[in-house]
Amino acid sequence: MFTVVCYTYSRLHRSPEAFDIVPKTINLTAGKKNLAQISKVLTQIISGSEFGDDKPSYVPINDFVRKAIQQITAWLIEGKSVSHPCFQF
């Protein structure tokens, strides 16, 4: 599932206008730039690491990234602990 999400997001990032994510009347470069920044944040969260000194403009959101890492980790652990359907039903 994660691969499908990454692939879909990658396609959205490259051509958001094809999916009506950004209006066709705005500057598409700005829309793609915004999606690229969101992608960087999601990548950090999924990788489980905060932003370092190599990306100083993102360091101020490390508190958010830290909380999101904890939430996604808890969610993944919860999903992993679901019993097998054969034993449940």
C-alpha atoms as a PDB file:
ATOM      1  CA  MET A   1       0.000   0.000   0.000  1.00  0.00           C
ATOM      2  CA  PHE A   2       2.821   2.402   0.862  1.00  0.00           C
ATOM      3  CA  THR A   3       4.279   1.906  -2.617  1.00  0.00           C
ATOM      4  CA  VAL A   4       0.931   2.757  -4.197  1.00  0.00           C
ATOM      5  CA  VAL A   5       0.633   5.897  -2.076  1.00  0.00           C
ATOM      6  CA  CYS A   6       4.176   6.987  -2.977  1.00  0.00           C
ATOM      7  CA  TYR A   7       3.591   6.319  -6.675  1.00  0.00           C
ATOM      8  CA  THR A   8       0.310   8.229  -6.662  1.00  0.00           C
ATOM      9  CA  TYR A   9       1.820  11.143  -4.765  1.00  0.00           C
ATOM     10  CA  SER A  10       4.748  11.176  -7.156  1.00  0.00           C
ATOM     11  CA  ARG A  11       2.343  11.480 -10.094  1.00  0.00           C
ATOM     12  CA  LEU A  12       0.410  14.235  -8.308  1.00  0.00           C
ATOM     13  CA  HIS A  13       3.624  16.107  -7.634  1.00  0.00           C
ATOM     14  CA  ARG A  14       4.689  16.035 -11.271  1.00  0.00           C
ATOM     15  CA  SER A  15       1.339  16.988 -12.807  1.00  0.00           C
ATOM     16  CA  PRO A  16      -1.131  18.267 -10.205  1.00  0.00           C
ATOM     17  CA  GLU A  17      -3.189  20.042 -12.864  1.00  0.00           C
ATOM     18  CA  ALA A  18      -4.116  16.682 -14.400  1.00  0.00           C
ATOM     19  CA  PHE A  19      -5.874  15.699 -11.159  1.00  0.00           C
ATOM     20  CA  ASP A  20      -7.514  19.087 -10.524  1.00  0.00           C
ATOM     21  CA  ILE A  21      -5.357  19.519  -7.395  1.00  0.00           C
ATOM     22  CA  VAL A  22      -4.386  23.039  -8.381  1.00  0.00           C
ATOM     23  CA  PRO A  23      -6.589  25.343 -10.453  1.00  0.00           C
ATOM     24  CA  LYS A  24      -5.478  25.767 -14.031  1.00  0.00           C
ATOM     25  CA  THR A  25      -5.673  29.548 -13.582  1.00  0.00           C
ATOM     26  CA  ILE A  26      -2.773  29.787 -11.120  1.00  0.00           C
ATOM     27  CA  ASN A  27       0.914  29.629 -11.783  1.00  0.00           C
ATOM     28  CA  LEU A  28       1.603  25.886 -12.013  1.00  0.00           C
ATOM     29  CA  THR A  29       5.208  26.389 -10.985  1.00  0.00           C
ATOM     30  CA  ALA A  30       4.071  27.727  -7.607  1.00  0.00           C
ATOM     31  CA  GLY A  31       1.625  24.847  -7.176  1.00  0.00           C
ATOM     32  CA  LYS A  32       4.296  22.290  -7.957  1.00  0.00           C
ATOM     33  CA  LYS A  33       6.711  24.016  -5.592  1.00  0.00           C
ATOM     34  CA  ASN A  34       4.154  23.788  -2.774  1.00  0.00           C
ATOM     35  CA  LEU A  35       3.601  20.097  -3.462  1.00  0.00           C
ATOM     36  CA  ALA A  36       7.367  19.553  -3.523  1.00  0.00           C
ATOM     37  CA  GLN A  37       7.664  21.114  -0.065  1.00  0.00           C
ATOM     38  CA  ILE A  38       4.835  18.937   1.253  1.00  0.00           C
ATOM     39  CA  SER A  39       6.599  15.937  -0.240  1.00  0.00           C
ATOM     40  CA  LYS A  40       9.817  16.810   1.616  1.00  0.00           C
ATOM     41  CA  VAL A  41       7.948  17.021   4.923  1.00  0.00           C
ATOM     42  CA  LEU A  42       6.125  13.720   4.332  1.00  0.00           C
ATOM     43  CA  THR A  43       9.405  12.052   3.391  1.00  0.00           C
ATOM     44  CA  GLN A  44      10.990  13.176   6.666  1.00  0.00           C
ATOM     45  CA  ILE A  45       8.010  11.936   8.654  1.00  0.00           C
ATOM     46  CA  ILE A  46       7.970   8.535   6.962  1.00  0.00           C
ATOM     47  CA  SER A  47      11.748   8.176   7.298  1.00  0.00           C
ATOM     48  CA  GLY A  48      11.437   8.849  11.032  1.00  0.00           C
ATOM     49  CA  SER A  49      13.989  11.639  11.199  1.00  0.00           C
ATOM     50  CA  GLU A  50      13.796  15.352  11.828  1.00  0.00           C
ATOM     51  CA  PHE A  51      15.221  18.012   9.549  1.00  0.00           C
ATOM     52  CA  GLY A  52      18.902  18.732  10.065  1.00  0.00           C
ATOM     53  CA  ASP A  53      21.155  21.682   9.465  1.00  0.00           C
ATOM     54  CA  ASP A  54      21.293  20.831   5.759  1.00  0.00           C
ATOM     55  CA  LYS A  55      17.711  22.194   5.415  1.00  0.00           C
ATOM     56  CA  PRO A  56      17.644  25.182   7.789  1.00  0.00           C
ATOM     57  CA  SER A  57      14.343  26.529   6.472  1.00  0.00           C
ATOM     58  CA  TYR A  58      12.582  23.349   7.627  1.00  0.00           C
ATOM     59  CA  VAL A  59      14.135  23.166  11.125  1.00  0.00           C
ATOM     60  CA  PRO A  60      11.373  25.342  12.704  1.00  0.00           C
ATOM     61  CA  ILE A  61       8.772  22.639  11.958  1.00  0.00           C
ATOM     62  CA  ASN A  62      10.741  19.877  13.685  1.00  0.00           C
ATOM     63  CA  ASP A  63       8.262  19.889  16.597  1.00  0.00           C
ATOM     64  CA  PHE A  64       5.469  19.048  14.146  1.00  0.00           C
ATOM     65  CA  VAL A  65       7.637  16.434  12.420  1.00  0.00           C
ATOM     66  CA  ARG A  66       8.515  14.830  15.772  1.00  0.00           C
ATOM     67  CA  LYS A  67       4.831  14.555  16.761  1.00  0.00           C
ATOM     68  CA  ALA A  68       3.856  13.250  13.338  1.00  0.00           C
ATOM     69  CA  ILE A  69       6.586  10.583  13.512  1.00  0.00           C
ATOM     70  CA  GLN A  70       5.165   9.375  16.832  1.00  0.00           C
ATOM     71  CA  GLN A  71       1.630   9.325  15.419  1.00  0.00           C
ATOM     72  CA  ILE A  72       2.534   7.464  12.227  1.00  0.00           C
ATOM     73  CA  THR A  73       4.637   4.979  14.194  1.00  0.00           C
ATOM     74  CA  ALA A  74       1.736   4.285  16.565  1.00  0.00           C
ATOM     75  CA  TRP A  75      -0.622   3.926  13.610  1.00  0.00           C
ATOM     76  CA  LEU A  76       1.688   1.482  11.818  1.00  0.00           C
ATOM     77  CA  ILE A  77       2.181  -0.589  14.979  1.00  0.00           C
ATOM     78  CA  GLU A  78      -1.592  -0.679  15.505  1.00  0.00           C
ATOM     79  CA  GLY A  79      -2.106  -1.822  11.928  1.00  0.00           C
ATOM     80  CA  LYS A  80       0.528  -4.495  12.332  1.00  0.00           C
ATOM     81  CA  SER A  81      -1.145  -5.919  15.430  1.00  0.00           C
ATOM     82  CA  VAL A  82      -4.487  -6.623  13.737  1.00  0.00           C
ATOM     83  CA  SER A  83      -5.306 -10.320  13.969  1.00  0.00           C
ATOM     84  CA  HIS A  84      -5.436 -12.449  10.876  1.00  0.00           C
ATOM     85  CA  PRO A  85      -8.945 -12.670   9.335  1.00  0.00           C
ATOM     86  CA  CYS A  86      -8.908 -16.469   9.469  1.00  0.00           C
ATOM     87  CA  PHE A  87      -8.583 -16.320  13.251  1.00  0.00           C
ATOM     88  CA  GLN A  88     -10.932 -13.376  13.713  1.00  0.00           C
ATOM     89  CA  PHE A  89     -13.952 -14.674  11.757  1.00  0.00           C
END
